[in-house]
Amino acid sequence: MGTHLLDVVSTDQHTVKPWFNGKIDFSPVVKDLAPQGFPLIGGRIEYLSGRAGAALVYQRRKHIINLFTWPSMASDAKESRLSRNGYNELQWKDASMTYWAVSDLGLAELQQFRELCMN
């Protein structure tokens, strides 16, 4: 992981999503979850397993949520949950994209975030 949280700083999904154009080879889904208490604060490029992915950064009170996304591969797990070093990690995929949400936020609220992302 890099040493910075954001490459593009914005709460506007219509600023963050186009920022990724030409920087990665897919278009990430960027949702406005502020009305549900999870405001977008920006994004960055992150390298995962040797390929560039999108890291969307959301906030819940003082907690940061990193939502990593990249095109799904057959080897990606359908869903998983991990807890380590005080962080919760939730992984899921849809037909074409894989997602990892990572935060020190409590598991119940991180699961709520995942459900909002999946809708």
PDB file of N, CA and C in Angstrom:
ATOM      1  N   MET A   1       0.827  -1.181   0.000  1.00  0.00           N
ATOM      2  CA  MET A   1       0.000   0.000   0.000  1.00  0.00           C
ATOM      3  C   MET A   1       0.869   1.242   0.000  1.00  0.00           C
ATOM      4  N   GLY A   2       0.341   2.249  -0.609  1.00  0.00           N
ATOM      5  CA  GLY A   2       1.048   3.513  -0.628  1.00  0.00           C
ATOM      6  C   GLY A   2       1.026   4.188   0.725  1.00  0.00           C
ATOM      7  N   THR A   3       1.655   5.325   0.789  1.00  0.00           N
ATOM      8  CA  THR A   3       1.741   6.047   2.058  1.00  0.00           C
ATOM      9  C   THR A   3       0.739   7.194   2.138  1.00  0.00           C
ATOM     10  N   HIS A   4      -0.149   7.288   1.167  1.00  0.00           N
ATOM     11  CA  HIS A   4      -1.140   8.360   1.188  1.00  0.00           C
ATOM     12  C   HIS A   4      -2.540   7.770   1.070  1.00  0.00           C
ATOM     13  N   LEU A   5      -3.510   8.493   1.596  1.00  0.00           N
ATOM     14  CA  LEU A   5      -4.880   8.010   1.609  1.00  0.00           C
ATOM     15  C   LEU A   5      -5.623   8.340   0.319  1.00  0.00           C
ATOM     16  N   LEU A   6      -5.378   9.513  -0.261  1.00  0.00           N
ATOM     17  CA  LEU A   6      -6.174   9.970  -1.393  1.00  0.00           C
ATOM     18  C   LEU A   6      -5.322  10.535  -2.518  1.00  0.00           C
ATOM     19  N   ASP A   7      -5.686  10.188  -3.755  1.00  0.00           N
ATOM     20  CA  ASP A   7      -5.142  10.838  -4.947  1.00  0.00           C
ATOM     21  C   ASP A   7      -6.113  11.894  -5.456  1.00  0.00           C
ATOM     22  N   VAL A   8      -7.397  11.643  -5.281  1.00  0.00           N
ATOM     23  CA  VAL A   8      -8.434  12.604  -5.641  1.00  0.00           C
ATOM     24  C   VAL A   8      -9.290  12.824  -4.393  1.00  0.00           C
ATOM     25  N   VAL A   9      -9.414  14.065  -3.996  1.00  0.00           N
ATOM     26  CA  VAL A   9     -10.174  14.412  -2.794  1.00  0.00           C
ATOM     27  C   VAL A   9     -11.477  15.057  -3.234  1.00  0.00           C
ATOM     28  N   SER A  10     -12.597  14.351  -2.962  1.00  0.00           N
ATOM     29  CA  SER A  10     -13.901  14.901  -3.324  1.00  0.00           C
ATOM     30  C   SER A  10     -14.996  14.053  -2.695  1.00  0.00           C
ATOM     31  N   THR A  11     -16.077  14.715  -2.317  1.00  0.00           N
ATOM     32  CA  THR A  11     -17.255  14.006  -1.826  1.00  0.00           C
ATOM     33  C   THR A  11     -18.256  13.771  -2.959  1.00  0.00           C
ATOM     34  N   ASP A  12     -17.911  14.191  -4.157  1.00  0.00           N
ATOM     35  CA  ASP A  12     -18.800  14.097  -5.310  1.00  0.00           C
ATOM     36  C   ASP A  12     -18.437  12.884  -6.164  1.00  0.00           C
ATOM     37  N   GLN A  13     -19.346  11.921  -6.264  1.00  0.00           N
ATOM     38  CA  GLN A  13     -19.094  10.725  -7.061  1.00  0.00           C
ATOM     39  C   GLN A  13     -18.836  11.069  -8.523  1.00  0.00           C
ATOM     40  N   HIS A  14     -19.375  12.189  -9.011  1.00  0.00           N
ATOM     41  CA  HIS A  14     -19.192  12.599 -10.397  1.00  0.00           C
ATOM     42  C   HIS A  14     -17.839  13.267 -10.630  1.00  0.00           C
ATOM     43  N   THR A  15     -17.087  13.480  -9.586  1.00  0.00           N
ATOM     44  CA  THR A  15     -15.689  13.930  -9.691  1.00  0.00           C
ATOM     45  C   THR A  15     -14.753  12.734  -9.524  1.00  0.00           C
ATOM     46  N   VAL A  16     -15.057  11.868  -8.568  1.00  0.00           N
ATOM     47  CA  VAL A  16     -14.183  10.732  -8.265  1.00  0.00           C
ATOM     48  C   VAL A  16     -14.185   9.711  -9.399  1.00  0.00           C
ATOM     49  N   LYS A  17     -15.348   9.293  -9.869  1.00  0.00           N
ATOM     50  CA  LYS A  17     -15.422   8.259 -10.910  1.00  0.00           C
ATOM     51  C   LYS A  17     -14.648   8.647 -12.167  1.00  0.00           C
ATOM     52  N   PRO A  18     -14.860   9.831 -12.754  1.00  0.00           N
ATOM     53  CA  PRO A  18     -14.112  10.172 -13.967  1.00  0.00           C
ATOM     54  C   PRO A  18     -12.606  10.329 -13.735  1.00  0.00           C
ATOM     55  N   TRP A  19     -12.190  10.597 -12.495  1.00  0.00           N
ATOM     56  CA  TRP A  19     -10.768  10.732 -12.204  1.00  0.00           C
ATOM     57  C   TRP A  19     -10.018   9.444 -12.556  1.00  0.00           C
ATOM     58  N   PHE A  20     -10.670   8.291 -12.446  1.00  0.00           N
ATOM     59  CA  PHE A  20     -10.026   7.007 -12.735  1.00  0.00           C
ATOM     60  C   PHE A  20      -9.848   6.756 -14.235  1.00  0.00           C
ATOM     61  N   ASN A  21     -10.573   7.494 -15.096  1.00  0.00           N
ATOM     62  CA  ASN A  21     -10.483   7.290 -16.547  1.00  0.00           C
ATOM     63  C   ASN A  21      -9.036   7.391 -17.023  1.00  0.00           C
ATOM     64  N   GLY A  22      -8.590   6.367 -17.742  1.00  0.00           N
ATOM     65  CA  GLY A  22      -7.239   6.344 -18.288  1.00  0.00           C
ATOM     66  C   GLY A  22      -6.167   5.931 -17.294  1.00  0.00           C
ATOM     67  N   LYS A  23      -6.518   5.794 -16.030  1.00  0.00           N
ATOM     68  CA  LYS A  23      -5.546   5.402 -15.009  1.00  0.00           C
ATOM     69  C   LYS A  23      -5.623   3.913 -14.691  1.00  0.00           C
ATOM     70  N   ILE A  24      -6.813   3.331 -14.875  1.00  0.00           N
ATOM     71  CA  ILE A  24      -7.017   1.899 -14.710  1.00  0.00           C
ATOM     72  C   ILE A  24      -7.848   1.418 -15.896  1.00  0.00           C
ATOM     73  N   ASP A  25      -7.873   0.105 -16.117  1.00  0.00           N
ATOM     74  CA  ASP A  25      -8.526  -0.426 -17.320  1.00  0.00           C
ATOM     75  C   ASP A  25      -9.978  -0.849 -17.098  1.00  0.00           C
ATOM     76  N   PHE A  26     -10.624  -0.268 -16.101  1.00  0.00           N
ATOM     77  CA  PHE A  26     -12.043  -0.511 -15.860  1.00  0.00           C
ATOM     78  C   PHE A  26     -12.628   0.729 -15.205  1.00  0.00           C
ATOM     79  N   SER A  27     -13.949   0.770 -15.156  1.00  0.00           N
ATOM     80  CA  SER A  27     -14.640   1.910 -14.560  1.00  0.00           C
ATOM     81  C   SER A  27     -15.289   1.460 -13.254  1.00  0.00           C
ATOM     82  N   PRO A  28     -14.782   1.920 -12.113  1.00  0.00           N
ATOM     83  CA  PRO A  28     -15.352   1.481 -10.843  1.00  0.00           C
ATOM     84  C   PRO A  28     -16.731   2.091 -10.592  1.00  0.00           C
ATOM     85  N   VAL A  29     -17.548   1.347  -9.872  1.00  0.00           N
ATOM     86  CA  VAL A  29     -18.837   1.869  -9.426  1.00  0.00           C
ATOM     87  C   VAL A  29     -18.557   2.762  -8.216  1.00  0.00           C
ATOM     88  N   VAL A  30     -19.007   4.002  -8.275  1.00  0.00           N
ATOM     89  CA  VAL A  30     -18.811   4.956  -7.177  1.00  0.00           C
ATOM     90  C   VAL A  30     -20.194   5.412  -6.725  1.00  0.00           C
ATOM     91  N   LYS A  31     -20.554   5.030  -5.507  1.00  0.00           N
ATOM     92  CA  LYS A  31     -21.890   5.352  -4.991  1.00  0.00           C
ATOM     93  C   LYS A  31     -21.843   6.498  -3.992  1.00  0.00           C
ATOM     94  N   ASP A  32     -22.913   7.271  -3.996  1.00  0.00           N
ATOM     95  CA  ASP A  32     -23.103   8.315  -2.995  1.00  0.00           C
ATOM     96  C   ASP A  32     -23.845   7.696  -1.818  1.00  0.00           C
ATOM     97  N   LEU A  33     -23.131   7.416  -0.739  1.00  0.00           N
ATOM     98  CA  LEU A  33     -23.727   6.798   0.441  1.00  0.00           C
ATOM     99  C   LEU A  33     -23.811   7.780   1.610  1.00  0.00           C
ATOM    100  N   ALA A  34     -23.606   9.066   1.338  1.00  0.00           N
ATOM    101  CA  ALA A  34     -23.677  10.084   2.395  1.00  0.00           C
ATOM    102  C   ALA A  34     -25.039  10.106   3.086  1.00  0.00           C
ATOM    103  N   PRO A  35     -26.152   9.988   2.349  1.00  0.00           N
ATOM    104  CA  PRO A  35     -27.449  10.008   3.039  1.00  0.00           C
ATOM    105  C   PRO A  35     -27.613   8.868   4.054  1.00  0.00           C
ATOM    106  N   GLN A  36     -26.883   7.781   3.862  1.00  0.00           N
ATOM    107  CA  GLN A  36     -26.938   6.649   4.786  1.00  0.00           C
ATOM    108  C   GLN A  36     -25.842   6.705   5.852  1.00  0.00           C
ATOM    109  N   GLY A  37     -25.071   7.800   5.866  1.00  0.00           N
ATOM    110  CA  GLY A  37     -24.057   7.987   6.899  1.00  0.00           C
ATOM    111  C   GLY A  37     -22.667   7.501   6.547  1.00  0.00           C
ATOM    112  N   PHE A  38     -22.408   7.253   5.258  1.00  0.00           N
ATOM    113  CA  PHE A  38     -21.097   6.802   4.797  1.00  0.00           C
ATOM    114  C   PHE A  38     -20.629   7.715   3.659  1.00  0.00           C
ATOM    115  N   PRO A  39     -20.225   8.946   3.955  1.00  0.00           N
ATOM    116  CA  PRO A  39     -19.841   9.860   2.876  1.00  0.00           C
ATOM    117  C   PRO A  39     -18.549   9.436   2.172  1.00  0.00           C
ATOM    118  N   LEU A  40     -18.550   9.622   0.874  1.00  0.00           N
ATOM    119  CA  LEU A  40     -17.359   9.440   0.053  1.00  0.00           C
ATOM    120  C   LEU A  40     -16.410  10.585   0.360  1.00  0.00           C
ATOM    121  N   ILE A  41     -15.109  10.291   0.496  1.00  0.00           N
ATOM    122  CA  ILE A  41     -14.149  11.385   0.684  1.00  0.00           C
ATOM    123  C   ILE A  41     -13.097  11.428  -0.418  1.00  0.00           C
ATOM    124  N   GLY A  42     -13.092  10.408  -1.297  1.00  0.00           N
ATOM    125  CA  GLY A  42     -12.160  10.439  -2.422  1.00  0.00           C
ATOM    126  C   GLY A  42     -11.750   9.052  -2.874  1.00  0.00           C
ATOM    127  N   GLY A  43     -10.618   8.998  -3.546  1.00  0.00           N
ATOM    128  CA  GLY A  43     -10.141   7.724  -4.066  1.00  0.00           C
ATOM    129  C   GLY A  43      -8.673   7.784  -4.418  1.00  0.00           C
ATOM    130  N   ARG A  44      -8.151   6.631  -4.775  1.00  0.00           N
ATOM    131  CA  ARG A  44      -6.752   6.526  -5.190  1.00  0.00           C
ATOM    132  C   ARG A  44      -6.580   5.254  -6.009  1.00  0.00           C
ATOM    133  N   ILE A  45      -5.460   5.148  -6.664  1.00  0.00           N
ATOM    134  CA  ILE A  45      -5.058   3.921  -7.344  1.00  0.00           C
ATOM    135  C   ILE A  45      -4.308   3.076  -6.322  1.00  0.00           C
ATOM    136  N   GLU A  46      -4.612   1.794  -6.308  1.00  0.00           N
ATOM    137  CA  GLU A  46      -3.932   0.865  -5.403  1.00  0.00           C
ATOM    138  C   GLU A  46      -3.526  -0.359  -6.214  1.00  0.00           C
ATOM    139  N   TYR A  47      -2.386  -0.931  -5.892  1.00  0.00           N
ATOM    140  CA  TYR A  47      -1.908  -2.114  -6.590  1.00  0.00           C
ATOM    141  C   TYR A  47      -2.151  -3.332  -5.726  1.00  0.00           C
ATOM    142  N   LEU A  48      -2.939  -4.280  -6.271  1.00  0.00           N
ATOM    143  CA  LEU A  48      -3.348  -5.478  -5.560  1.00  0.00           C
ATOM    144  C   LEU A  48      -3.003  -6.695  -6.414  1.00  0.00           C
ATOM    145  N   SER A  49      -2.227  -7.591  -5.868  1.00  0.00           N
ATOM    146  CA  SER A  49      -1.837  -8.806  -6.598  1.00  0.00           C
ATOM    147  C   SER A  49      -1.259  -8.473  -7.968  1.00  0.00           C
ATOM    148  N   GLY A  50      -0.446  -7.435  -8.026  1.00  0.00           N
ATOM    149  CA  GLY A  50       0.247  -7.089  -9.258  1.00  0.00           C
ATOM    150  C   GLY A  50      -0.570  -6.354 -10.296  1.00  0.00           C
ATOM    151  N   ARG A  51      -1.781  -5.919  -9.967  1.00  0.00           N
ATOM    152  CA  ARG A  51      -2.562  -5.148 -10.935  1.00  0.00           C
ATOM    153  C   ARG A  51      -3.157  -3.915 -10.276  1.00  0.00           C
ATOM    154  N   ALA A  52      -3.384  -2.906 -11.087  1.00  0.00           N
ATOM    155  CA  ALA A  52      -3.950  -1.660 -10.576  1.00  0.00           C
ATOM    156  C   ALA A  52      -5.437  -1.844 -10.291  1.00  0.00           C
ATOM    157  N   GLY A  53      -5.862  -1.332  -9.153  1.00  0.00           N
ATOM    158  CA  GLY A  53      -7.267  -1.364  -8.775  1.00  0.00           C
ATOM    159  C   GLY A  53      -7.679   0.000  -8.264  1.00  0.00           C
ATOM    160  N   ALA A  54      -8.962   0.161  -8.058  1.00  0.00           N
ATOM    161  CA  ALA A  54      -9.487   1.408  -7.515  1.00  0.00           C
ATOM    162  C   ALA A  54      -9.675   1.247  -6.012  1.00  0.00           C
ATOM    163  N   ALA A  55      -9.256   2.237  -5.266  1.00  0.00           N
ATOM    164  CA  ALA A  55      -9.528   2.301  -3.826  1.00  0.00           C
ATOM    165  C   ALA A  55     -10.420   3.512  -3.613  1.00  0.00           C
ATOM    166  N   LEU A  56     -11.673   3.253  -3.261  1.00  0.00           N
ATOM    167  CA  LEU A  56     -12.617   4.318  -2.946  1.00  0.00           C
ATOM    168  C   LEU A  56     -12.603   4.486  -1.440  1.00  0.00           C
ATOM    169  N   VAL A  57     -12.580   5.712  -0.980  1.00  0.00           N
ATOM    170  CA  VAL A  57     -12.447   5.967   0.447  1.00  0.00           C
ATOM    171  C   VAL A  57     -13.717   6.639   0.961  1.00  0.00           C
ATOM    172  N   TYR A  58     -14.328   5.974   1.928  1.00  0.00           N
ATOM    173  CA  TYR A  58     -15.538   6.456   2.572  1.00  0.00           C
ATOM    174  C   TYR A  58     -15.230   6.688   4.047  1.00  0.00           C
ATOM    175  N   GLN A  59     -16.137   7.351   4.725  1.00  0.00           N
ATOM    176  CA  GLN A  59     -15.953   7.637   6.140  1.00  0.00           C
ATOM    177  C   GLN A  59     -17.239   7.335   6.897  1.00  0.00           C
ATOM    178  N   ARG A  60     -17.096   6.871   8.124  1.00  0.00           N
ATOM    179  CA  ARG A  60     -18.230   6.692   9.042  1.00  0.00           C
ATOM    180  C   ARG A  60     -17.778   7.296  10.351  1.00  0.00           C
ATOM    181  N   ARG A  61     -18.337   8.446  10.703  1.00  0.00           N
ATOM    182  CA  ARG A  61     -17.853   9.237  11.836  1.00  0.00           C
ATOM    183  C   ARG A  61     -16.339   9.447  11.653  1.00  0.00           C
ATOM    184  N   LYS A  62     -15.498   8.991  12.557  1.00  0.00           N
ATOM    185  CA  LYS A  62     -14.046   9.207  12.432  1.00  0.00           C
ATOM    186  C   LYS A  62     -13.331   7.999  11.815  1.00  0.00           C
ATOM    187  N   HIS A  63     -14.083   6.991  11.388  1.00  0.00           N
ATOM    188  CA  HIS A  63     -13.511   5.762  10.835  1.00  0.00           C
ATOM    189  C   HIS A  63     -13.415   5.853   9.316  1.00  0.00           C
ATOM    190  N   ILE A  64     -12.304   5.420   8.784  1.00  0.00           N
ATOM    191  CA  ILE A  64     -12.074   5.366   7.342  1.00  0.00           C
ATOM    192  C   ILE A  64     -12.420   3.965   6.848  1.00  0.00           C
ATOM    193  N   ILE A  65     -13.081   3.905   5.696  1.00  0.00           N
ATOM    194  CA  ILE A  65     -13.368   2.637   5.025  1.00  0.00           C
ATOM    195  C   ILE A  65     -12.711   2.695   3.654  1.00  0.00           C
ATOM    196  N   ASN A  66     -11.796   1.771   3.407  1.00  0.00           N
ATOM    197  CA  ASN A  66     -11.196   1.624   2.088  1.00  0.00           C
ATOM    198  C   ASN A  66     -11.973   0.550   1.350  1.00  0.00           C
ATOM    199  N   LEU A  67     -12.543   0.899   0.199  1.00  0.00           N
ATOM    200  CA  LEU A  67     -13.261  -0.061  -0.631  1.00  0.00           C
ATOM    201  C   LEU A  67     -12.414  -0.298  -1.882  1.00  0.00           C
ATOM    202  N   PHE A  68     -11.755  -1.445  -1.914  1.00  0.00           N
ATOM    203  CA  PHE A  68     -10.912  -1.823  -3.041  1.00  0.00           C
ATOM    204  C   PHE A  68     -11.764  -2.566  -4.058  1.00  0.00           C
ATOM    205  N   THR A  69     -11.581  -2.277  -5.333  1.00  0.00           N
ATOM    206  CA  THR A  69     -12.359  -2.939  -6.372  1.00  0.00           C
ATOM    207  C   THR A  69     -11.517  -3.169  -7.621  1.00  0.00           C
ATOM    208  N   TRP A  70     -11.788  -4.300  -8.277  1.00  0.00           N
ATOM    209  CA  TRP A  70     -11.115  -4.669  -9.512  1.00  0.00           C
ATOM    210  C   TRP A  70     -11.972  -5.702 -10.229  1.00  0.00           C
ATOM    211  N   PRO A  71     -11.744  -5.923 -11.532  1.00  0.00           N
ATOM    212  CA  PRO A  71     -12.531  -6.930 -12.250  1.00  0.00           C
ATOM    213  C   PRO A  71     -12.318  -8.321 -11.651  1.00  0.00           C
ATOM    214  N   SER A  72     -13.401  -9.073 -11.523  1.00  0.00           N
ATOM    215  CA  SER A  72     -13.356 -10.411 -10.937  1.00  0.00           C
ATOM    216  C   SER A  72     -12.619 -11.391 -11.840  1.00  0.00           C
ATOM    217  N   MET A  73     -11.968 -12.330 -11.176  1.00  0.00           N
ATOM    218  CA  MET A  73     -11.349 -13.466 -11.851  1.00  0.00           C
ATOM    219  C   MET A  73     -11.985 -14.727 -11.261  1.00  0.00           C
ATOM    220  N   ALA A  74     -11.910 -15.819 -11.970  1.00  0.00           N
ATOM    221  CA  ALA A  74     -12.527 -17.063 -11.514  1.00  0.00           C
ATOM    222  C   ALA A  74     -12.003 -17.488 -10.147  1.00  0.00           C
ATOM    223  N   SER A  75     -10.761 -17.157  -9.829  1.00  0.00           N
ATOM    224  CA  SER A  75     -10.152 -17.582  -8.567  1.00  0.00           C
ATOM    225  C   SER A  75     -10.589 -16.739  -7.367  1.00  0.00           C
ATOM    226  N   ASP A  76     -11.260 -15.609  -7.596  1.00  0.00           N
ATOM    227  CA  ASP A  76     -11.715 -14.768  -6.488  1.00  0.00           C
ATOM    228  C   ASP A  76     -12.821 -15.473  -5.715  1.00  0.00           C
ATOM    229  N   ALA A  77     -12.717 -15.443  -4.391  1.00  0.00           N
ATOM    230  CA  ALA A  77     -13.760 -16.030  -3.548  1.00  0.00           C
ATOM    231  C   ALA A  77     -15.061 -15.267  -3.731  1.00  0.00           C
ATOM    232  N   LYS A  78     -16.180 -15.963  -3.585  1.00  0.00           N
ATOM    233  CA  LYS A  78     -17.476 -15.293  -3.720  1.00  0.00           C
ATOM    234  C   LYS A  78     -17.709 -14.330  -2.568  1.00  0.00           C
ATOM    235  N   GLU A  79     -17.359 -14.755  -1.354  1.00  0.00           N
ATOM    236  CA  GLU A  79     -17.556 -13.900  -0.183  1.00  0.00           C
ATOM    237  C   GLU A  79     -16.675 -14.403   0.953  1.00  0.00           C
ATOM    238  N   SER A  80     -16.130 -13.475   1.725  1.00  0.00           N
ATOM    239  CA  SER A  80     -15.355 -13.868   2.904  1.00  0.00           C
ATOM    240  C   SER A  80     -15.357 -12.725   3.911  1.00  0.00           C
ATOM    241  N   ARG A  81     -14.972 -13.070   5.140  1.00  0.00           N
ATOM    242  CA  ARG A  81     -14.881 -12.092   6.220  1.00  0.00           C
ATOM    243  C   ARG A  81     -13.652 -12.435   7.040  1.00  0.00           C
ATOM    244  N   LEU A  82     -12.848 -11.421   7.337  1.00  0.00           N
ATOM    245  CA  LEU A  82     -11.647 -11.592   8.144  1.00  0.00           C
ATOM    246  C   LEU A  82     -11.577 -10.479   9.179  1.00  0.00           C
ATOM    247  N   SER A  83     -10.945 -10.768  10.285  1.00  0.00           N
ATOM    248  CA  SER A  83     -10.622  -9.748  11.281  1.00  0.00           C
ATOM    249  C   SER A  83      -9.175  -9.971  11.674  1.00  0.00           C
ATOM    250  N   ARG A  84      -8.389  -8.888  11.615  1.00  0.00           N
ATOM    251  CA  ARG A  84      -6.995  -8.997  12.039  1.00  0.00           C
ATOM    252  C   ARG A  84      -6.449  -7.629  12.407  1.00  0.00           C
ATOM    253  N   ASN A  85      -5.655  -7.635  13.448  1.00  0.00           N
ATOM    254  CA  ASN A  85      -4.985  -6.414  13.909  1.00  0.00           C
ATOM    255  C   ASN A  85      -5.946  -5.243  14.119  1.00  0.00           C
ATOM    256  N   GLY A  86      -7.156  -5.520  14.576  1.00  0.00           N
ATOM    257  CA  GLY A  86      -8.125  -4.463  14.849  1.00  0.00           C
ATOM    258  C   GLY A  86      -8.915  -3.996  13.635  1.00  0.00           C
ATOM    259  N   TYR A  87      -8.704  -4.629  12.482  1.00  0.00           N
ATOM    260  CA  TYR A  87      -9.409  -4.264  11.259  1.00  0.00           C
ATOM    261  C   TYR A  87     -10.344  -5.388  10.844  1.00  0.00           C
ATOM    262  N   ASN A  88     -11.495  -5.011  10.307  1.00  0.00           N
ATOM    263  CA  ASN A  88     -12.421  -5.962   9.712  1.00  0.00           C
ATOM    264  C   ASN A  88     -12.311  -5.842   8.202  1.00  0.00           C
ATOM    265  N   GLU A  89     -12.397  -6.986   7.533  1.00  0.00           N
ATOM    266  CA  GLU A  89     -12.298  -7.038   6.080  1.00  0.00           C
ATOM    267  C   GLU A  89     -13.443  -7.890   5.552  1.00  0.00           C
ATOM    268  N   LEU A  90     -14.196  -7.328   4.637  1.00  0.00           N
ATOM    269  CA  LEU A  90     -15.283  -8.054   3.990  1.00  0.00           C
ATOM    270  C   LEU A  90     -15.011  -8.098   2.496  1.00  0.00           C
ATOM    271  N   GLN A  91     -15.123  -9.281   1.906  1.00  0.00           N
ATOM    272  CA  GLN A  91     -14.902  -9.448   0.476  1.00  0.00           C
ATOM    273  C   GLN A  91     -16.156 -10.020  -0.153  1.00  0.00           C
ATOM    274  N   TRP A  92     -16.532  -9.503  -1.324  1.00  0.00           N
ATOM    275  CA  TRP A  92     -17.652 -10.039  -2.081  1.00  0.00           C
ATOM    276  C   TRP A  92     -17.416  -9.751  -3.545  1.00  0.00           C
ATOM    277  N   LYS A  93     -18.195 -10.406  -4.385  1.00  0.00           N
ATOM    278  CA  LYS A  93     -18.114 -10.109  -5.814  1.00  0.00           C
ATOM    279  C   LYS A  93     -19.483 -10.220  -6.437  1.00  0.00           C
ATOM    280  N   ASP A  94     -19.631  -9.484  -7.515  1.00  0.00           N
ATOM    281  CA  ASP A  94     -20.828  -9.646  -8.328  1.00  0.00           C
ATOM    282  C   ASP A  94     -20.374 -10.328  -9.618  1.00  0.00           C
ATOM    283  N   ALA A  95     -21.152 -10.266 -10.641  1.00  0.00           N
ATOM    284  CA  ALA A  95     -20.815 -10.969 -11.877  1.00  0.00           C
ATOM    285  C   ALA A  95     -19.491 -10.520 -12.488  1.00  0.00           C
ATOM    286  N   SER A  96     -19.140  -9.260 -12.298  1.00  0.00           N
ATOM    287  CA  SER A  96     -17.958  -8.765 -12.998  1.00  0.00           C
ATOM    288  C   SER A  96     -16.897  -8.105 -12.114  1.00  0.00           C
ATOM    289  N   MET A  97     -17.219  -7.772 -10.876  1.00  0.00           N
ATOM    290  CA  MET A  97     -16.268  -7.045 -10.030  1.00  0.00           C
ATOM    291  C   MET A  97     -16.096  -7.722  -8.675  1.00  0.00           C
ATOM    292  N   THR A  98     -14.880  -7.586  -8.128  1.00  0.00           N
ATOM    293  CA  THR A  98     -14.569  -8.045  -6.778  1.00  0.00           C
ATOM    294  C   THR A  98     -14.379  -6.820  -5.902  1.00  0.00           C
ATOM    295  N   TYR A  99     -14.832  -6.907  -4.643  1.00  0.00           N
ATOM    296  CA  TYR A  99     -14.755  -5.798  -3.700  1.00  0.00           C
ATOM    297  C   TYR A  99     -14.166  -6.281  -2.377  1.00  0.00           C
ATOM    298  N   TRP A 100     -13.343  -5.450  -1.784  1.00  0.00           N
ATOM    299  CA  TRP A 100     -12.848  -5.642  -0.414  1.00  0.00           C
ATOM    300  C   TRP A 100     -13.098  -4.348   0.334  1.00  0.00           C
ATOM    301  N   ALA A 101     -13.830  -4.421   1.440  1.00  0.00           N
ATOM    302  CA  ALA A 101     -14.021  -3.275   2.332  1.00  0.00           C
ATOM    303  C   ALA A 101     -13.164  -3.538   3.571  1.00  0.00           C
ATOM    304  N   VAL A 102     -12.307  -2.588   3.905  1.00  0.00           N
ATOM    305  CA  VAL A 102     -11.379  -2.739   5.027  1.00  0.00           C
ATOM    306  C   VAL A 102     -11.493  -1.508   5.916  1.00  0.00           C
ATOM    307  N   SER A 103     -11.695  -1.748   7.238  1.00  0.00           N
ATOM    308  CA  SER A 103     -11.839  -0.635   8.167  1.00  0.00           C
ATOM    309  C   SER A 103     -11.670  -1.110   9.600  1.00  0.00           C
ATOM    310  N   ASP A 104     -11.379  -0.154  10.483  1.00  0.00           N
ATOM    311  CA  ASP A 104     -11.402  -0.459  11.916  1.00  0.00           C
ATOM    312  C   ASP A 104     -12.804  -0.250  12.483  1.00  0.00           C
ATOM    313  N   LEU A 105     -13.749   0.031  11.613  1.00  0.00           N
ATOM    314  CA  LEU A 105     -15.155   0.155  11.979  1.00  0.00           C
ATOM    315  C   LEU A 105     -15.658  -1.196  12.488  1.00  0.00           C
ATOM    316  N   GLY A 106     -16.611  -1.182  13.401  1.00  0.00           N
ATOM    317  CA  GLY A 106     -17.186  -2.421  13.902  1.00  0.00           C
ATOM    318  C   GLY A 106     -17.777  -3.264  12.783  1.00  0.00           C
ATOM    319  N   LEU A 107     -17.775  -4.572  12.981  1.00  0.00           N
ATOM    320  CA  LEU A 107     -18.216  -5.498  11.946  1.00  0.00           C
ATOM    321  C   LEU A 107     -19.664  -5.243  11.508  1.00  0.00           C
ATOM    322  N   ALA A 108     -20.560  -4.981  12.426  1.00  0.00           N
ATOM    323  CA  ALA A 108     -21.969  -4.759  12.069  1.00  0.00           C
ATOM    324  C   ALA A 108     -22.128  -3.557  11.136  1.00  0.00           C
ATOM    325  N   GLU A 109     -21.417  -2.476  11.420  1.00  0.00           N
ATOM    326  CA  GLU A 109     -21.520  -1.285  10.560  1.00  0.00           C
ATOM    327  C   GLU A 109     -20.819  -1.516   9.221  1.00  0.00           C
ATOM    328  N   LEU A 110     -19.727  -2.275   9.216  1.00  0.00           N
ATOM    329  CA  LEU A 110     -19.062  -2.575   7.951  1.00  0.00           C
ATOM    330  C   LEU A 110     -19.955  -3.470   7.088  1.00  0.00           C
ATOM    331  N   GLN A 111     -20.681  -4.379   7.708  1.00  0.00           N
ATOM    332  CA  GLN A 111     -21.635  -5.198   6.962  1.00  0.00           C
ATOM    333  C   GLN A 111     -22.775  -4.343   6.413  1.00  0.00           C
ATOM    334  N   GLN A 112     -23.205  -3.349   7.175  1.00  0.00           N
ATOM    335  CA  GLN A 112     -24.221  -2.412   6.683  1.00  0.00           C
ATOM    336  C   GLN A 112     -23.694  -1.674   5.453  1.00  0.00           C
ATOM    337  N   PHE A 113     -22.432  -1.239   5.508  1.00  0.00           N
ATOM    338  CA  PHE A 113     -21.797  -0.571   4.372  1.00  0.00           C
ATOM    339  C   PHE A 113     -21.793  -1.494   3.145  1.00  0.00           C
ATOM    340  N   ARG A 114     -21.403  -2.755   3.348  1.00  0.00           N
ATOM    341  CA  ARG A 114     -21.382  -3.710   2.245  1.00  0.00           C
ATOM    342  C   ARG A 114     -22.768  -3.845   1.624  1.00  0.00           C
ATOM    343  N   GLU A 115     -23.795  -3.968   2.443  1.00  0.00           N
ATOM    344  CA  GLU A 115     -25.161  -4.108   1.915  1.00  0.00           C
ATOM    345  C   GLU A 115     -25.553  -2.893   1.080  1.00  0.00           C
ATOM    346  N   LEU A 116     -25.185  -1.710   1.508  1.00  0.00           N
ATOM    347  CA  LEU A 116     -25.463  -0.497   0.750  1.00  0.00           C
ATOM    348  C   LEU A 116     -24.713  -0.507  -0.582  1.00  0.00           C
ATOM    349  N   CYS A 117     -23.490  -0.992  -0.578  1.00  0.00           N
ATOM    350  CA  CYS A 117     -22.696  -1.064  -1.805  1.00  0.00           C
ATOM    351  C   CYS A 117     -23.268  -2.073  -2.795  1.00  0.00           C
ATOM    352  N   MET A 118     -23.864  -3.133  -2.264  1.00  0.00           N
ATOM    353  CA  MET A 118     -24.389  -4.198  -3.122  1.00  0.00           C
ATOM    354  C   MET A 118     -25.718  -3.830  -3.778  1.00  0.00           C
ATOM    355  N   ASN A 119     -26.420  -2.850  -3.242  1.00  0.00           N
ATOM    356  CA  ASN A 119     -27.725  -2.465  -3.803  1.00  0.00           C
ATOM    357  C   ASN A 119     -27.583  -1.470  -4.934  1.00  0.00           C
TER     358      ASN A 119
END
